[in-house]
Amino acid sequence: MYAGGGSGSLARSLSDVGVSPIEGQSGWLVRNALVDRLGAGRQNSQTRYRLDIRLDDKVEGLGQLSNDTITRERRTLRARYQLVDLASGDVVLDATAGSDAGFDVVNSEYAVIAAEQTALENLSQEVADQIVTRIAVRLRNKK
């Protein structure tokens, strides 16, 4: 799939994908991860495709003690994305990606905030990996 490394045909096709802005902190993290992986703008050429993404980021309590105290939470990040061919306006790929991570809720508020942030950073990387893999397969098969 990645024959030719960074100068192979698939790498060049991936760098032709422009990533639209995505709202929120999770959107910023996912977009940066995608730009890094796709190499967007690396060759200073016009983008051939546009990647539009909508994210759903939520945190929910899982473990609960008898006094209604939450002891465990799960952060879920889901992405609905479309790869649009800019020349024709056709949607080349319409798919979803997602992942979740669990973490303990402890007495330290700082530790919980840090755990939530780390979970979001890791989930953003995982979702970006899933999206790039699907795009790479689609672009490879399109040739």
Protein backbone atom coordinates (compact mmCIF):
# COMPACT_ATOMS: atom_id res chain seq x y z
CA MET A 1 0.00 0.00 0.00
CA TYR A 2 2.80 2.43 0.89
CA ALA A 3 5.23 1.46 -1.89
CA GLY A 4 7.58 4.30 -2.69
CA GLY A 5 7.47 5.77 0.81
CA GLY A 6 6.82 9.50 1.05
CA SER A 7 7.19 9.99 -2.70
CA GLY A 8 4.98 7.06 -3.77
CA SER A 9 1.69 7.51 -5.59
CA LEU A 10 -0.43 6.85 -2.49
CA ALA A 11 1.55 9.34 -0.40
CA ARG A 12 1.07 11.94 -3.13
CA SER A 13 -2.66 11.18 -3.25
CA LEU A 14 -2.95 11.52 0.52
CA SER A 15 -1.18 14.88 0.42
CA ASP A 16 -3.90 16.05 -2.02
CA VAL A 17 -6.47 15.85 0.79
CA GLY A 18 -7.30 19.12 2.52
CA VAL A 19 -8.84 18.93 5.99
CA SER A 20 -11.66 21.35 6.78
CA PRO A 21 -11.64 23.07 10.19
CA ILE A 22 -13.35 21.09 12.96
CA GLU A 23 -15.01 22.73 15.98
CA GLY A 24 -13.78 22.45 19.55
CA GLN A 25 -10.70 21.15 21.28
CA SER A 26 -11.29 17.60 20.08
CA GLY A 27 -11.66 18.96 16.55
CA TRP A 28 -8.37 20.82 16.81
CA LEU A 29 -6.60 17.67 18.03
CA VAL A 30 -8.11 15.43 15.34
CA ARG A 31 -7.43 17.94 12.56
CA ASN A 32 -3.78 18.36 13.58
CA ALA A 33 -3.31 14.59 13.71
CA LEU A 34 -4.88 14.24 10.26
CA VAL A 35 -2.75 16.99 8.72
CA ASP A 36 0.37 15.32 10.15
CA ARG A 37 -0.58 11.90 8.78
CA LEU A 38 -1.83 13.06 5.40
CA GLY A 39 1.05 15.40 4.74
CA ALA A 40 -1.48 17.99 3.63
CA GLY A 41 0.13 20.89 1.83
CA ARG A 42 3.53 19.21 1.75
CA GLN A 43 3.83 19.56 -2.01
CA ASN A 44 2.31 23.06 -2.33
CA SER A 45 -0.20 21.83 -4.90
CA GLN A 46 -3.90 22.46 -5.07
CA THR A 47 -5.88 20.01 -2.99
CA ARG A 48 -7.93 17.57 -5.00
CA TYR A 49 -10.11 16.37 -2.11
CA ARG A 50 -11.71 17.97 0.92
CA LEU A 51 -12.23 16.05 4.14
CA ASP A 52 -15.28 17.21 6.15
CA ILE A 53 -15.64 15.88 9.69
CA ARG A 54 -18.25 16.16 12.45
CA LEU A 55 -17.23 14.93 15.89
CA ASP A 56 -19.27 13.63 18.79
CA ASP A 57 -17.23 13.78 22.01
CA LYS A 58 -18.82 12.73 25.27
CA VAL A 59 -17.91 11.61 28.77
CA GLU A 60 -20.22 9.36 30.74
CA GLY A 61 -20.10 7.83 34.20
CA LEU A 62 -19.86 4.06 34.45
CA GLY A 63 -19.01 2.94 37.98
CA GLN A 64 -21.20 4.18 40.78
CA LEU A 65 -21.03 3.68 44.53
CA SER A 66 -24.06 3.34 46.81
CA ASN A 67 -23.80 7.07 47.64
CA ASP A 68 -24.12 7.96 43.91
CA THR A 69 -20.44 8.83 43.59
CA ILE A 70 -19.03 8.08 40.11
CA THR A 71 -15.85 5.97 40.27
CA ARG A 72 -15.17 5.35 36.59
CA GLU A 73 -15.87 7.30 33.40
CA ARG A 74 -15.68 6.58 29.71
CA ARG A 75 -14.77 9.13 27.06
CA THR A 76 -16.08 8.38 23.59
CA LEU A 77 -14.99 10.14 20.41
CA ARG A 78 -16.88 9.42 17.18
CA ALA A 79 -16.29 11.01 13.78
CA ARG A 80 -18.60 11.13 10.78
CA TYR A 81 -16.53 12.10 7.78
CA GLN A 82 -16.86 12.62 4.06
CA LEU A 83 -14.13 12.79 1.44
CA VAL A 84 -15.30 15.10 -1.34
CA ASP A 85 -13.76 15.26 -4.83
CA LEU A 86 -13.44 19.00 -5.42
CA ALA A 87 -13.48 18.71 -9.23
CA SER A 88 -16.83 16.94 -9.43
CA GLY A 89 -18.34 17.60 -6.00
CA ASP A 90 -18.93 13.86 -5.57
CA VAL A 91 -18.61 12.24 -2.15
CA VAL A 92 -15.87 9.65 -2.63
CA LEU A 93 -16.07 8.25 0.90
CA ASP A 94 -18.74 8.60 3.59
CA ALA A 95 -17.87 6.73 6.78
CA THR A 96 -17.50 6.83 10.54
CA ALA A 97 -14.62 6.23 12.92
CA GLY A 98 -14.50 6.11 16.67
CA SER A 99 -12.92 4.90 19.82
CA ASP A 100 -13.40 5.10 23.58
CA ALA A 101 -11.25 5.08 26.69
CA GLY A 102 -12.04 4.50 30.35
CA PHE A 103 -10.42 6.09 33.36
CA ASP A 104 -10.84 6.10 37.14
CA VAL A 105 -12.35 9.04 38.97
CA VAL A 106 -10.22 9.71 42.05
CA ASN A 107 -10.29 12.27 44.85
CA SER A 108 -7.89 14.62 43.08
CA GLU A 109 -9.76 16.89 40.66
CA TYR A 110 -6.48 17.63 38.88
CA ALA A 111 -5.86 13.91 38.30
CA VAL A 112 -9.34 13.45 36.82
CA ILE A 113 -8.93 16.44 34.49
CA ALA A 114 -5.52 15.14 33.42
CA ALA A 115 -6.98 11.68 32.78
CA GLU A 116 -9.81 13.15 30.67
CA GLN A 117 -7.34 15.23 28.65
CA THR A 118 -4.98 12.30 28.09
CA ALA A 119 -7.92 10.16 26.99
CA LEU A 120 -8.97 12.84 24.49
CA GLU A 121 -5.45 13.18 23.09
CA ASN A 122 -5.13 9.40 22.65
CA LEU A 123 -8.61 9.06 21.13
CA SER A 124 -7.85 11.86 18.66
CA GLN A 125 -4.79 9.97 17.45
CA GLU A 126 -6.73 6.71 17.12
CA VAL A 127 -9.61 8.30 15.22
CA ALA A 128 -7.17 10.07 12.87
CA ASP A 129 -5.40 6.75 12.21
CA GLN A 130 -8.71 5.06 11.34
CA ILE A 131 -9.70 7.88 8.99
CA VAL A 132 -6.36 7.95 7.17
CA THR A 133 -6.38 4.17 6.74
CA ARG A 134 -9.87 4.24 5.17
CA ILE A 135 -8.93 7.14 2.90
CA ALA A 136 -5.71 5.39 1.83
CA VAL A 137 -7.60 2.21 0.94
CA ARG A 138 -10.24 4.17 -0.99
CA LEU A 139 -7.69 6.21 -2.94
CA ARG A 140 -5.59 3.11 -3.69
CA ASN A 141 -8.64 1.26 -5.03
CA LYS A 142 -9.74 4.27 -7.05
CA LYS A 143 -6.58 4.25 -9.18
